Amino acid sequence: MPKIYRNPRVMIRLARHGCANRPFYHIVAILNRRARNSEAFFEQLGTYDPMPNNHNEKLVSFNFDRLKYWLAKGAEPTKPVYTLLGYSGFLPLHPMSTVLARRARQQQQLNAAAALQEENTESEIAS
C-alpha cells in the first residue's frame, strides 16, 4: 500500500549543484518529500558557496524578504540553513554553532602548540 502524505511540509533547504569536487548550493523552498536536487522547488531564496575564496571567505547570499514570506507561511529551515541564517543575524544562533566554534578554536590551539613543540625539537636536534 503506498504512503499517503496528508500534510506535506515546506522546507527551506540546500540543493546541491556544481561539480564533484566543487560544490555550490542553492537555498530553496521545497516540499519535504521531494528529492534534494529536484527542479520542482517553489522558489530559490539564496546561494551558498562553501569553498573559501582568495580571502578565505565562504560566500552566502539571501533574499530576506522572500525568506520572511516563507517562514511566515510555516516553512521550516533545515539545520544547515538555520545555522547560516544564524550567522547572518537573521535568526538566533543555533546552539551547536557556538559548540562547534569552541571545538575548532581548541583544535587550532592544539595544532599550533604541536607545531611549536615540533619546531623546538628540530632546532635542538640541529644544534
PDB file of N, CA and C in Angstrom:
ATOM      1  N   MET A   1       0.839  -1.179   0.000  1.00  0.00           N
ATOM      2  CA  MET A   1       0.000   0.000   0.000  1.00  0.00           C
ATOM      3  C   MET A   1       0.888   1.248   0.000  1.00  0.00           C
ATOM      4  N   PRO A   2       0.660   2.189  -0.885  1.00  0.00           N
ATOM      5  CA  PRO A   2       1.518   3.380  -0.950  1.00  0.00           C
ATOM      6  C   PRO A   2       1.292   4.295   0.245  1.00  0.00           C
ATOM      7  N   LYS A   3       2.355   5.031   0.589  1.00  0.00           N
ATOM      8  CA  LYS A   3       2.247   6.003   1.675  1.00  0.00           C
ATOM      9  C   LYS A   3       1.389   7.173   1.229  1.00  0.00           C
ATOM     10  N   ILE A   4       0.599   7.671   2.147  1.00  0.00           N
ATOM     11  CA  ILE A   4      -0.227   8.836   1.862  1.00  0.00           C
ATOM     12  C   ILE A   4       0.299   9.990   2.707  1.00  0.00           C
ATOM     13  N   TYR A   5       0.741  11.045   2.050  1.00  0.00           N
ATOM     14  CA  TYR A   5       1.230  12.224   2.752  1.00  0.00           C
ATOM     15  C   TYR A   5       0.062  13.198   2.897  1.00  0.00           C
ATOM     16  N   ARG A   6      -0.446  13.319   4.105  1.00  0.00           N
ATOM     17  CA  ARG A   6      -1.593  14.184   4.318  1.00  0.00           C
ATOM     18  C   ARG A   6      -1.184  15.652   4.432  1.00  0.00           C
ATOM     19  N   ASN A   7      -0.107  15.922   5.133  1.00  0.00           N
ATOM     20  CA  ASN A   7       0.325  17.295   5.349  1.00  0.00           C
ATOM     21  C   ASN A   7       1.773  17.472   4.897  1.00  0.00           C
ATOM     22  N   PRO A   8       1.983  17.623   3.604  1.00  0.00           N
ATOM     23  CA  PRO A   8       3.373  17.860   3.181  1.00  0.00           C
ATOM     24  C   PRO A   8       3.849  19.210   3.701  1.00  0.00           C
ATOM     25  N   ARG A   9       5.088  19.237   4.201  1.00  0.00           N
ATOM     26  CA  ARG A   9       5.648  20.464   4.757  1.00  0.00           C
ATOM     27  C   ARG A   9       6.566  21.112   3.750  1.00  0.00           C
ATOM     28  N   VAL A  10       6.609  22.425   3.828  1.00  0.00           N
ATOM     29  CA  VAL A  10       7.559  23.178   3.007  1.00  0.00           C
ATOM     30  C   VAL A  10       8.822  23.354   3.848  1.00  0.00           C
ATOM     31  N   MET A  11       9.954  22.998   3.265  1.00  0.00           N
ATOM     32  CA  MET A  11      11.242  23.125   3.935  1.00  0.00           C
ATOM     33  C   MET A  11      12.088  24.153   3.186  1.00  0.00           C
ATOM     34  N   ILE A  12      12.944  24.825   3.923  1.00  0.00           N
ATOM     35  CA  ILE A  12      13.956  25.688   3.304  1.00  0.00           C
ATOM     36  C   ILE A  12      15.265  24.932   3.473  1.00  0.00           C
ATOM     37  N   ARG A  13      15.810  24.468   2.369  1.00  0.00           N
ATOM     38  CA  ARG A  13      16.999  23.612   2.453  1.00  0.00           C
ATOM     39  C   ARG A  13      17.960  23.885   1.312  1.00  0.00           C
ATOM     40  N   LEU A  14      19.106  23.195   1.385  1.00  0.00           N
ATOM     41  CA  LEU A  14      20.157  23.356   0.382  1.00  0.00           C
ATOM     42  C   LEU A  14      19.962  22.347  -0.747  1.00  0.00           C
ATOM     43  N   ALA A  15      20.053  22.824  -1.977  1.00  0.00           N
ATOM     44  CA  ALA A  15      20.048  21.957  -3.157  1.00  0.00           C
ATOM     45  C   ALA A  15      21.445  22.020  -3.763  1.00  0.00           C
ATOM     46  N   ARG A  16      22.101  20.864  -3.861  1.00  0.00           N
ATOM     47  CA  ARG A  16      23.499  20.837  -4.296  1.00  0.00           C
ATOM     48  C   ARG A  16      23.611  20.940  -5.806  1.00  0.00           C
ATOM     49  N   HIS A  17      24.509  21.797  -6.241  1.00  0.00           N
ATOM     50  CA  HIS A  17      24.848  21.955  -7.661  1.00  0.00           C
ATOM     51  C   HIS A  17      26.373  21.989  -7.745  1.00  0.00           C
ATOM     52  N   GLY A  18      26.900  22.171  -8.910  1.00  0.00           N
ATOM     53  CA  GLY A  18      28.348  22.232  -9.067  1.00  0.00           C
ATOM     54  C   GLY A  18      28.918  20.874  -9.419  1.00  0.00           C
ATOM     55  N   CYS A  19      30.231  20.771  -9.356  1.00  0.00           N
ATOM     56  CA  CYS A  19      30.943  19.555  -9.739  1.00  0.00           C
ATOM     57  C   CYS A  19      31.187  18.667  -8.529  1.00  0.00           C
ATOM     58  N   ALA A  20      31.820  17.532  -8.779  1.00  0.00           N
ATOM     59  CA  ALA A  20      32.072  16.572  -7.710  1.00  0.00           C
ATOM     60  C   ALA A  20      32.969  17.154  -6.624  1.00  0.00           C
ATOM     61  N   ASN A  21      34.004  17.864  -7.005  1.00  0.00           N
ATOM     62  CA  ASN A  21      34.930  18.412  -6.024  1.00  0.00           C
ATOM     63  C   ASN A  21      34.760  19.914  -5.822  1.00  0.00           C
ATOM     64  N   ARG A  22      33.703  20.465  -6.347  1.00  0.00           N
ATOM     65  CA  ARG A  22      33.464  21.901  -6.246  1.00  0.00           C
ATOM     66  C   ARG A  22      31.973  22.147  -6.013  1.00  0.00           C
ATOM     67  N   PRO A  23      31.491  21.907  -4.767  1.00  0.00           N
ATOM     68  CA  PRO A  23      30.054  22.054  -4.514  1.00  0.00           C
ATOM     69  C   PRO A  23      29.615  23.516  -4.519  1.00  0.00           C
ATOM     70  N   PHE A  24      28.368  23.701  -4.845  1.00  0.00           N
ATOM     71  CA  PHE A  24      27.722  25.002  -4.804  1.00  0.00           C
ATOM     72  C   PHE A  24      26.262  24.728  -4.476  1.00  0.00           C
ATOM     73  N   TYR A  25      25.675  25.495  -3.582  1.00  0.00           N
ATOM     74  CA  TYR A  25      24.325  25.207  -3.119  1.00  0.00           C
ATOM     75  C   TYR A  25      23.376  26.352  -3.419  1.00  0.00           C
ATOM     76  N   HIS A  26      22.150  25.992  -3.791  1.00  0.00           N
ATOM     77  CA  HIS A  26      21.061  26.941  -3.882  1.00  0.00           C
ATOM     78  C   HIS A  26      20.203  26.724  -2.647  1.00  0.00           C
ATOM     79  N   ILE A  27      19.764  27.801  -2.016  1.00  0.00           N
ATOM     80  CA  ILE A  27      18.867  27.712  -0.869  1.00  0.00           C
ATOM     81  C   ILE A  27      17.462  27.847  -1.439  1.00  0.00           C
ATOM     82  N   VAL A  28      16.644  26.791  -1.276  1.00  0.00           N
ATOM     83  CA  VAL A  28      15.348  26.741  -1.934  1.00  0.00           C
ATOM     84  C   VAL A  28      14.231  26.406  -0.945  1.00  0.00           C
ATOM     85  N   ALA A  29      13.012  26.830  -1.290  1.00  0.00           N
ATOM     86  CA  ALA A  29      11.801  26.411  -0.591  1.00  0.00           C
ATOM     87  C   ALA A  29      11.217  25.265  -1.404  1.00  0.00           C
ATOM     88  N   ILE A  30      11.041  24.107  -0.752  1.00  0.00           N
ATOM     89  CA  ILE A  30      10.638  22.897  -1.466  1.00  0.00           C
ATOM     90  C   ILE A  30       9.843  22.014  -0.514  1.00  0.00           C
ATOM     91  N   LEU A  31       9.003  21.150  -1.060  1.00  0.00           N
ATOM     92  CA  LEU A  31       8.286  20.187  -0.231  1.00  0.00           C
ATOM     93  C   LEU A  31       9.263  19.177   0.354  1.00  0.00           C
ATOM     94  N   ASN A  32       8.995  18.723   1.571  1.00  0.00           N
ATOM     95  CA  ASN A  32       9.941  17.840   2.243  1.00  0.00           C
ATOM     96  C   ASN A  32      10.080  16.483   1.580  1.00  0.00           C
ATOM     97  N   ARG A  33       9.114  16.050   0.799  1.00  0.00           N
ATOM     98  CA  ARG A  33       9.198  14.726   0.193  1.00  0.00           C
ATOM     99  C   ARG A  33       9.884  14.733  -1.167  1.00  0.00           C
ATOM    100  N   ARG A  34      10.276  15.875  -1.648  1.00  0.00           N
ATOM    101  CA  ARG A  34      10.976  15.971  -2.930  1.00  0.00           C
ATOM    102  C   ARG A  34      12.444  15.602  -2.773  1.00  0.00           C
ATOM    103  N   ALA A  35      13.071  15.211  -3.854  1.00  0.00           N
ATOM    104  CA  ALA A  35      14.492  14.879  -3.843  1.00  0.00           C
ATOM    105  C   ALA A  35      15.323  16.139  -3.600  1.00  0.00           C
ATOM    106  N   ARG A  36      16.546  15.948  -3.122  1.00  0.00           N
ATOM    107  CA  ARG A  36      17.406  17.076  -2.758  1.00  0.00           C
ATOM    108  C   ARG A  36      17.628  18.032  -3.920  1.00  0.00           C
ATOM    109  N   ASN A  37      17.910  17.517  -5.088  1.00  0.00           N
ATOM    110  CA  ASN A  37      18.225  18.353  -6.243  1.00  0.00           C
ATOM    111  C   ASN A  37      17.064  18.450  -7.225  1.00  0.00           C
ATOM    112  N   SER A  38      15.863  18.224  -6.742  1.00  0.00           N
ATOM    113  CA  SER A  38      14.700  18.273  -7.605  1.00  0.00           C
ATOM    114  C   SER A  38      14.511  19.679  -8.171  1.00  0.00           C
ATOM    115  N   GLU A  39      14.102  19.735  -9.411  1.00  0.00           N
ATOM    116  CA  GLU A  39      13.843  21.022 -10.050  1.00  0.00           C
ATOM    117  C   GLU A  39      12.437  21.534  -9.714  1.00  0.00           C
ATOM    118  N   ALA A  40      11.692  20.777  -8.914  1.00  0.00           N
ATOM    119  CA  ALA A  40      10.317  21.144  -8.586  1.00  0.00           C
ATOM    120  C   ALA A  40      10.254  21.948  -7.287  1.00  0.00           C
ATOM    121  N   PHE A  41      11.162  22.884  -7.100  1.00  0.00           N
ATOM    122  CA  PHE A  41      11.109  23.725  -5.905  1.00  0.00           C
ATOM    123  C   PHE A  41      10.221  24.926  -6.171  1.00  0.00           C
ATOM    124  N   PHE A  42       9.732  25.526  -5.090  1.00  0.00           N
ATOM    125  CA  PHE A  42       8.844  26.676  -5.231  1.00  0.00           C
ATOM    126  C   PHE A  42       9.613  27.931  -5.631  1.00  0.00           C
ATOM    127  N   GLU A  43      10.717  28.166  -4.920  1.00  0.00           N
ATOM    128  CA  GLU A  43      11.449  29.412  -5.162  1.00  0.00           C
ATOM    129  C   GLU A  43      12.885  29.273  -4.655  1.00  0.00           C
ATOM    130  N   GLN A  44      13.813  29.886  -5.370  1.00  0.00           N
ATOM    131  CA  GLN A  44      15.197  29.957  -4.902  1.00  0.00           C
ATOM    132  C   GLN A  44      15.326  31.187  -4.011  1.00  0.00           C
ATOM    133  N   LEU A  45      15.831  30.978  -2.784  1.00  0.00           N
ATOM    134  CA  LEU A  45      15.903  32.047  -1.798  1.00  0.00           C
ATOM    135  C   LEU A  45      17.312  32.568  -1.570  1.00  0.00           C
ATOM    136  N   GLY A  46      18.294  31.918  -2.147  1.00  0.00           N
ATOM    137  CA  GLY A  46      19.667  32.373  -1.967  1.00  0.00           C
ATOM    138  C   GLY A  46      20.653  31.353  -2.494  1.00  0.00           C
ATOM    139  N   THR A  47      21.944  31.642  -2.253  1.00  0.00           N
ATOM    140  CA  THR A  47      23.016  30.742  -2.666  1.00  0.00           C
ATOM    141  C   THR A  47      24.042  30.636  -1.549  1.00  0.00           C
ATOM    142  N   TYR A  48      24.820  29.545  -1.588  1.00  0.00           N
ATOM    143  CA  TYR A  48      25.883  29.321  -0.614  1.00  0.00           C
ATOM    144  C   TYR A  48      27.050  28.656  -1.323  1.00  0.00           C
ATOM    145  N   ASP A  49      28.226  29.279  -1.238  1.00  0.00           N
ATOM    146  CA  ASP A  49      29.446  28.733  -1.815  1.00  0.00           C
ATOM    147  C   ASP A  49      30.362  28.335  -0.663  1.00  0.00           C
ATOM    148  N   PRO A  50      30.461  27.023  -0.330  1.00  0.00           N
ATOM    149  CA  PRO A  50      31.240  26.593   0.840  1.00  0.00           C
ATOM    150  C   PRO A  50      32.752  26.582   0.627  1.00  0.00           C
ATOM    151  N   MET A  51      33.211  26.770  -0.612  1.00  0.00           N
ATOM    152  CA  MET A  51      34.644  26.755  -0.870  1.00  0.00           C
ATOM    153  C   MET A  51      35.221  28.139  -0.592  1.00  0.00           C
ATOM    154  N   PRO A  52      36.247  28.239   0.265  1.00  0.00           N
ATOM    155  CA  PRO A  52      36.822  29.550   0.571  1.00  0.00           C
ATOM    156  C   PRO A  52      37.446  30.194  -0.665  1.00  0.00           C
ATOM    157  N   ASN A  53      37.267  31.511  -0.778  1.00  0.00           N
ATOM    158  CA  ASN A  53      37.848  32.237  -1.903  1.00  0.00           C
ATOM    159  C   ASN A  53      39.255  32.715  -1.532  1.00  0.00           C
ATOM    160  N   ASN A  54      39.820  33.657  -2.287  1.00  0.00           N
ATOM    161  CA  ASN A  54      41.181  34.144  -2.045  1.00  0.00           C
ATOM    162  C   ASN A  54      41.340  34.792  -0.676  1.00  0.00           C
ATOM    163  N   HIS A  55      40.257  35.335  -0.140  1.00  0.00           N
ATOM    164  CA  HIS A  55      40.299  35.996   1.165  1.00  0.00           C
ATOM    165  C   HIS A  55      39.830  35.075   2.286  1.00  0.00           C
ATOM    166  N   ASN A  56      39.763  33.762   2.009  1.00  0.00           N
ATOM    167  CA  ASN A  56      39.342  32.739   2.959  1.00  0.00           C
ATOM    168  C   ASN A  56      37.922  32.996   3.461  1.00  0.00           C
ATOM    169  N   GLU A  57      37.031  33.394   2.556  1.00  0.00           N
ATOM    170  CA  GLU A  57      35.637  33.677   2.888  1.00  0.00           C
ATOM    171  C   GLU A  57      34.735  32.676   2.168  1.00  0.00           C
ATOM    172  N   LYS A  58      33.703  32.254   2.863  1.00  0.00           N
ATOM    173  CA  LYS A  58      32.663  31.431   2.254  1.00  0.00           C
ATOM    174  C   LYS A  58      31.491  32.361   1.984  1.00  0.00           C
ATOM    175  N   LEU A  59      31.035  32.421   0.746  1.00  0.00           N
ATOM    176  CA  LEU A  59      30.050  33.417   0.344  1.00  0.00           C
ATOM    177  C   LEU A  59      28.627  32.879   0.454  1.00  0.00           C
ATOM    178  N   VAL A  60      27.752  33.685   1.054  1.00  0.00           N
ATOM    179  CA  VAL A  60      26.342  33.349   1.203  1.00  0.00           C
ATOM    180  C   VAL A  60      25.525  34.554   0.795  1.00  0.00           C
ATOM    181  N   SER A  61      24.441  34.326   0.067  1.00  0.00           N
ATOM    182  CA  SER A  61      23.521  35.414  -0.247  1.00  0.00           C
ATOM    183  C   SER A  61      22.099  34.935   0.028  1.00  0.00           C
ATOM    184  N   PHE A  62      21.280  35.824   0.565  1.00  0.00           N
ATOM    185  CA  PHE A  62      19.890  35.517   0.888  1.00  0.00           C
ATOM    186  C   PHE A  62      18.988  36.594   0.317  1.00  0.00           C
ATOM    187  N   ASN A  63      17.766  36.221  -0.001  1.00  0.00           N
ATOM    188  CA  ASN A  63      16.713  37.171  -0.296  1.00  0.00           C
ATOM    189  C   ASN A  63      15.838  37.200   0.967  1.00  0.00           C
ATOM    190  N   PHE A  64      16.124  38.133   1.882  1.00  0.00           N
ATOM    191  CA  PHE A  64      15.493  38.140   3.192  1.00  0.00           C
ATOM    192  C   PHE A  64      13.995  38.415   3.123  1.00  0.00           C
ATOM    193  N   ASP A  65      13.546  39.196   2.153  1.00  0.00           N
ATOM    194  CA  ASP A  65      12.113  39.455   2.024  1.00  0.00           C
ATOM    195  C   ASP A  65      11.356  38.161   1.737  1.00  0.00           C
ATOM    196  N   ARG A  66      11.878  37.368   0.820  1.00  0.00           N
ATOM    197  CA  ARG A  66      11.215  36.110   0.486  1.00  0.00           C
ATOM    198  C   ARG A  66      11.370  35.075   1.602  1.00  0.00           C
ATOM    199  N   LEU A  67      12.500  35.126   2.331  1.00  0.00           N
ATOM    200  CA  LEU A  67      12.663  34.240   3.486  1.00  0.00           C
ATOM    201  C   LEU A  67      11.598  34.538   4.533  1.00  0.00           C
ATOM    202  N   LYS A  68      11.363  35.820   4.803  1.00  0.00           N
ATOM    203  CA  LYS A  68      10.313  36.199   5.753  1.00  0.00           C
ATOM    204  C   LYS A  68       8.958  35.674   5.306  1.00  0.00           C
ATOM    205  N   TYR A  69       8.699  35.784   4.009  1.00  0.00           N
ATOM    206  CA  TYR A  69       7.435  35.305   3.470  1.00  0.00           C
ATOM    207  C   TYR A  69       7.263  33.810   3.730  1.00  0.00           C
ATOM    208  N   TRP A  70       8.276  33.016   3.383  1.00  0.00           N
ATOM    209  CA  TRP A  70       8.159  31.563   3.532  1.00  0.00           C
ATOM    210  C   TRP A  70       8.136  31.141   4.986  1.00  0.00           C
ATOM    211  N   LEU A  71       8.890  31.820   5.844  1.00  0.00           N
ATOM    212  CA  LEU A  71       8.838  31.490   7.270  1.00  0.00           C
ATOM    213  C   LEU A  71       7.465  31.819   7.852  1.00  0.00           C
ATOM    214  N   ALA A  72       6.850  32.905   7.383  1.00  0.00           N
ATOM    215  CA  ALA A  72       5.504  33.257   7.833  1.00  0.00           C
ATOM    216  C   ALA A  72       4.470  32.230   7.356  1.00  0.00           C
ATOM    217  N   LYS A  73       4.724  31.607   6.210  1.00  0.00           N
ATOM    218  CA  LYS A  73       3.834  30.574   5.687  1.00  0.00           C
ATOM    219  C   LYS A  73       4.008  29.241   6.409  1.00  0.00           C
ATOM    220  N   GLY A  74       5.019  29.137   7.289  1.00  0.00           N
ATOM    221  CA  GLY A  74       5.228  27.904   8.046  1.00  0.00           C
ATOM    222  C   GLY A  74       6.348  27.028   7.539  1.00  0.00           C
ATOM    223  N   ALA A  75       7.162  27.516   6.630  1.00  0.00           N
ATOM    224  CA  ALA A  75       8.291  26.728   6.138  1.00  0.00           C
ATOM    225  C   ALA A  75       9.320  26.571   7.250  1.00  0.00           C
ATOM    226  N   GLU A  76       9.921  25.396   7.314  1.00  0.00           N
ATOM    227  CA  GLU A  76      10.912  25.097   8.344  1.00  0.00           C
ATOM    228  C   GLU A  76      12.300  25.021   7.723  1.00  0.00           C
ATOM    229  N   PRO A  77      13.262  25.787   8.221  1.00  0.00           N
ATOM    230  CA  PRO A  77      14.632  25.652   7.694  1.00  0.00           C
ATOM    231  C   PRO A  77      15.295  24.402   8.256  1.00  0.00           C
ATOM    232  N   THR A  78      16.126  23.763   7.451  1.00  0.00           N
ATOM    233  CA  THR A  78      16.895  22.630   7.927  1.00  0.00           C
ATOM    234  C   THR A  78      18.036  23.155   8.808  1.00  0.00           C
ATOM    235  N   LYS A  79      18.734  22.253   9.480  1.00  0.00           N
ATOM    236  CA  LYS A  79      19.787  22.661  10.403  1.00  0.00           C
ATOM    237  C   LYS A  79      20.896  23.466   9.707  1.00  0.00           C
ATOM    238  N   PRO A  80      21.415  23.038   8.536  1.00  0.00           N
ATOM    239  CA  PRO A  80      22.452  23.844   7.884  1.00  0.00           C
ATOM    240  C   PRO A  80      21.966  25.234   7.492  1.00  0.00           C
ATOM    241  N   VAL A  81      20.735  25.334   7.011  1.00  0.00           N
ATOM    242  CA  VAL A  81      20.191  26.637   6.629  1.00  0.00           C
ATOM    243  C   VAL A  81      19.972  27.488   7.872  1.00  0.00           C
ATOM    244  N   TYR A  82      19.466  26.866   8.944  1.00  0.00           N
ATOM    245  CA  TYR A  82      19.258  27.596  10.198  1.00  0.00           C
ATOM    246  C   TYR A  82      20.588  28.153  10.709  1.00  0.00           C
ATOM    247  N   THR A  83      21.645  27.359  10.594  1.00  0.00           N
ATOM    248  CA  THR A  83      22.969  27.807  11.026  1.00  0.00           C
ATOM    249  C   THR A  83      23.429  29.008  10.197  1.00  0.00           C
ATOM    250  N   LEU A  84      23.261  28.947   8.873  1.00  0.00           N
ATOM    251  CA  LEU A  84      23.651  30.066   8.014  1.00  0.00           C
ATOM    252  C   LEU A  84      22.836  31.317   8.336  1.00  0.00           C
ATOM    253  N   LEU A  85      21.548  31.146   8.583  1.00  0.00           N
ATOM    254  CA  LEU A  85      20.703  32.289   8.941  1.00  0.00           C
ATOM    255  C   LEU A  85      21.095  32.856  10.300  1.00  0.00           C
ATOM    256  N   GLY A  86      21.558  32.000  11.206  1.00  0.00           N
ATOM    257  CA  GLY A  86      22.036  32.475  12.499  1.00  0.00           C
ATOM    258  C   GLY A  86      23.319  33.273  12.362  1.00  0.00           C
ATOM    259  N   TYR A  87      24.234  32.793  11.515  1.00  0.00           N
ATOM    260  CA  TYR A  87      25.481  33.527  11.287  1.00  0.00           C
ATOM    261  C   TYR A  87      25.219  34.885  10.654  1.00  0.00           C
ATOM    262  N   SER A  88      24.162  34.967   9.825  1.00  0.00           N
ATOM    263  CA  SER A  88      23.860  36.234   9.174  1.00  0.00           C
ATOM    264  C   SER A  88      23.126  37.202  10.094  1.00  0.00           C
ATOM    265  N   GLY A  89      22.644  36.711  11.230  1.00  0.00           N
ATOM    266  CA  GLY A  89      21.939  37.572  12.178  1.00  0.00           C
ATOM    267  C   GLY A  89      20.445  37.631  11.935  1.00  0.00           C
ATOM    268  N   PHE A  90      19.942  36.866  11.009  1.00  0.00           N
ATOM    269  CA  PHE A  90      18.513  36.862  10.689  1.00  0.00           C
ATOM    270  C   PHE A  90      17.716  36.083  11.737  1.00  0.00           C
ATOM    271  N   LEU A  91      18.268  34.969  12.214  1.00  0.00           N
ATOM    272  CA  LEU A  91      17.666  34.144  13.257  1.00  0.00           C
ATOM    273  C   LEU A  91      18.648  34.035  14.417  1.00  0.00           C
ATOM    274  N   PRO A  92      18.204  33.600  15.591  1.00  0.00           N
ATOM    275  CA  PRO A  92      19.154  33.374  16.682  1.00  0.00           C
ATOM    276  C   PRO A  92      20.148  32.275  16.305  1.00  0.00           C
ATOM    277  N   LEU A  93      21.335  32.342  16.872  1.00  0.00           N
ATOM    278  CA  LEU A  93      22.346  31.322  16.585  1.00  0.00           C
ATOM    279  C   LEU A  93      21.861  29.953  17.025  1.00  0.00           C
ATOM    280  N   HIS A  94      22.146  28.962  16.222  1.00  0.00           N
ATOM    281  CA  HIS A  94      21.849  27.582  16.587  1.00  0.00           C
ATOM    282  C   HIS A  94      22.780  27.201  17.736  1.00  0.00           C
ATOM    283  N   PRO A  95      22.302  26.489  18.761  1.00  0.00           N
ATOM    284  CA  PRO A  95      23.159  26.153  19.908  1.00  0.00           C
ATOM    285  C   PRO A  95      24.444  25.413  19.537  1.00  0.00           C
ATOM    286  N   MET A  96      24.394  24.587  18.497  1.00  0.00           N
ATOM    287  CA  MET A  96      25.593  23.845  18.110  1.00  0.00           C
ATOM    288  C   MET A  96      26.635  24.740  17.450  1.00  0.00           C
ATOM    289  N   SER A  97      26.253  25.911  16.965  1.00  0.00           N
ATOM    290  CA  SER A  97      27.198  26.814  16.312  1.00  0.00           C
ATOM    291  C   SER A  97      28.302  27.234  17.271  1.00  0.00           C
ATOM    292  N   THR A  98      27.919  27.597  18.488  1.00  0.00           N
ATOM    293  CA  THR A  98      28.927  28.026  19.466  1.00  0.00           C
ATOM    294  C   THR A  98      29.778  26.852  19.921  1.00  0.00           C
ATOM    295  N   VAL A  99      29.169  25.677  20.041  1.00  0.00           N
ATOM    296  CA  VAL A  99      29.923  24.488  20.445  1.00  0.00           C
ATOM    297  C   VAL A  99      30.961  24.138  19.380  1.00  0.00           C
ATOM    298  N   LEU A 100      30.554  24.140  18.125  1.00  0.00           N
ATOM    299  CA  LEU A 100      31.483  23.820  17.038  1.00  0.00           C
ATOM    300  C   LEU A 100      32.599  24.851  16.929  1.00  0.00           C
ATOM    301  N   ALA A 101      32.279  26.134  17.146  1.00  0.00           N
ATOM    302  CA  ALA A 101      33.307  27.172  17.093  1.00  0.00           C
ATOM    303  C   ALA A 101      34.320  26.980  18.212  1.00  0.00           C
ATOM    304  N   ARG A 102      33.840  26.638  19.415  1.00  0.00           N
ATOM    305  CA  ARG A 102      34.745  26.420  20.542  1.00  0.00           C
ATOM    306  C   ARG A 102      35.652  25.221  20.276  1.00  0.00           C
ATOM    307  N   ARG A 103      35.096  24.145  19.726  1.00  0.00           N
ATOM    308  CA  ARG A 103      35.898  22.956  19.407  1.00  0.00           C
ATOM    309  C   ARG A 103      36.948  23.267  18.349  1.00  0.00           C
ATOM    310  N   ALA A 104      36.582  24.035  17.351  1.00  0.00           N
ATOM    311  CA  ALA A 104      37.534  24.392  16.295  1.00  0.00           C
ATOM    312  C   ALA A 104      38.662  25.247  16.857  1.00  0.00           C
ATOM    313  N   ARG A 105      38.326  26.174  17.753  1.00  0.00           N
ATOM    314  CA  ARG A 105      39.351  27.024  18.379  1.00  0.00           C
ATOM    315  C   ARG A 105      40.312  26.186  19.213  1.00  0.00           C
ATOM    316  N   GLN A 106      39.779  25.243  19.993  1.00  0.00           N
ATOM    317  CA  GLN A 106      40.632  24.374  20.808  1.00  0.00           C
ATOM    318  C   GLN A 106      41.531  23.517  19.932  1.00  0.00           C
ATOM    319  N   GLN A 107      40.999  22.984  18.858  1.00  0.00           N
ATOM    320  CA  GLN A 107      41.803  22.171  17.950  1.00  0.00           C
ATOM    321  C   GLN A 107      42.898  22.992  17.293  1.00  0.00           C
ATOM    322  N   GLN A 108      42.584  24.223  16.927  1.00  0.00           N
ATOM    323  CA  GLN A 108      43.582  25.107  16.328  1.00  0.00           C
ATOM    324  C   GLN A 108      44.695  25.413  17.326  1.00  0.00           C
ATOM    325  N   GLN A 109      44.351  25.629  18.591  1.00  0.00           N
ATOM    326  CA  GLN A 109      45.364  25.879  19.614  1.00  0.00           C
ATOM    327  C   GLN A 109      46.241  24.652  19.828  1.00  0.00           C
ATOM    328  N   LEU A 110      45.636  23.465  19.828  1.00  0.00           N
ATOM    329  CA  LEU A 110      46.416  22.239  19.977  1.00  0.00           C
ATOM    330  C   LEU A 110      47.361  22.045  18.791  1.00  0.00           C
ATOM    331  N   ASN A 111      46.887  22.329  17.593  1.00  0.00           N
ATOM    332  CA  ASN A 111      47.742  22.193  16.409  1.00  0.00           C
ATOM    333  C   ASN A 111      48.896  23.187  16.444  1.00  0.00           C
ATOM    334  N   ALA A 112      48.637  24.413  16.892  1.00  0.00           N
ATOM    335  CA  ALA A 112      49.693  25.424  16.989  1.00  0.00           C
ATOM    336  C   ALA A 112      50.726  25.022  18.035  1.00  0.00           C
ATOM    337  N   ALA A 113      50.272  24.489  19.174  1.00  0.00           N
ATOM    338  CA  ALA A 113      51.195  24.050  20.227  1.00  0.00           C
ATOM    339  C   ALA A 113      52.043  22.878  19.740  1.00  0.00           C
ATOM    340  N   ALA A 114      51.430  21.942  19.010  1.00  0.00           N
ATOM    341  CA  ALA A 114      52.182  20.800  18.490  1.00  0.00           C
ATOM    342  C   ALA A 114      53.214  21.248  17.457  1.00  0.00           C
ATOM    343  N   ALA A 115      52.853  22.195  16.605  1.00  0.00           N
ATOM    344  CA  ALA A 115      53.798  22.698  15.609  1.00  0.00           C
ATOM    345  C   ALA A 115      54.963  23.416  16.280  1.00  0.00           C
ATOM    346  N   LEU A 116      54.668  24.195  17.321  1.00  0.00           N
ATOM    347  CA  LEU A 116      55.726  24.900  18.052  1.00  0.00           C
ATOM    348  C   LEU A 116      56.657  23.908  18.735  1.00  0.00           C
ATOM    349  N   GLN A 117      56.087  22.867  19.325  1.00  0.00           N
ATOM    350  CA  GLN A 117      56.907  21.856  20.003  1.00  0.00           C
ATOM    351  C   GLN A 117      57.765  21.111  18.982  1.00  0.00           C
ATOM    352  N   GLU A 118      57.208  20.804  17.829  1.00  0.00           N
ATOM    353  CA  GLU A 118      57.967  20.118  16.782  1.00  0.00           C
ATOM    354  C   GLU A 118      59.107  21.003  16.274  1.00  0.00           C
ATOM    355  N   GLU A 119      58.839  22.298  16.147  1.00  0.00           N
ATOM    356  CA  GLU A 119      59.868  23.246  15.706  1.00  0.00           C
ATOM    357  C   GLU A 119      60.996  23.333  16.713  1.00  0.00           C
ATOM    358  N   ASN A 120      60.661  23.360  17.998  1.00  0.00           N
ATOM    359  CA  ASN A 120      61.680  23.408  19.049  1.00  0.00           C
ATOM    360  C   ASN A 120      62.519  22.135  19.056  1.00  0.00           C
ATOM    361  N   THR A 121      61.892  21.005  18.839  1.00  0.00           N
ATOM    362  CA  THR A 121      62.609  19.713  18.814  1.00  0.00           C
ATOM    363  C   THR A 121      63.582  19.678  17.634  1.00  0.00           C
ATOM    364  N   GLU A 122      63.141  20.179  16.473  1.00  0.00           N
ATOM    365  CA  GLU A 122      64.010  20.193  15.295  1.00  0.00           C
ATOM    366  C   GLU A 122      65.194  21.124  15.511  1.00  0.00           C
ATOM    367  N   SER A 123      64.982  22.261  16.167  1.00  0.00           N
ATOM    368  CA  SER A 123      66.080  23.188  16.388  1.00  0.00           C
ATOM    369  C   SER A 123      67.083  22.627  17.396  1.00  0.00           C
ATOM    370  N   GLU A 124      66.637  21.841  18.376  1.00  0.00           N
ATOM    371  CA  GLU A 124      67.554  21.217  19.341  1.00  0.00           C
ATOM    372  C   GLU A 124      68.393  20.153  18.660  1.00  0.00           C
ATOM    373  N   ILE A 125      67.778  19.425  17.737  1.00  0.00           N
ATOM    374  CA  ILE A 125      68.500  18.372  17.024  1.00  0.00           C
ATOM    375  C   ILE A 125      69.572  19.001  16.111  1.00  0.00           C
ATOM    376  N   ALA A 126      69.245  20.122  15.493  1.00  0.00           N
ATOM    377  CA  ALA A 126      70.170  20.797  14.582  1.00  0.00           C
ATOM    378  C   ALA A 126      71.358  21.406  15.352  1.00  0.00           C
ATOM    379  N   SER A 127      71.175  21.725  16.606  1.00  0.00           N
ATOM    380  CA  SER A 127      72.238  22.367  17.380  1.00  0.00           C
ATOM    381  C   SER A 127      73.320  21.455  17.770  1.00  0.00           C
TER     382      SER A 127
END
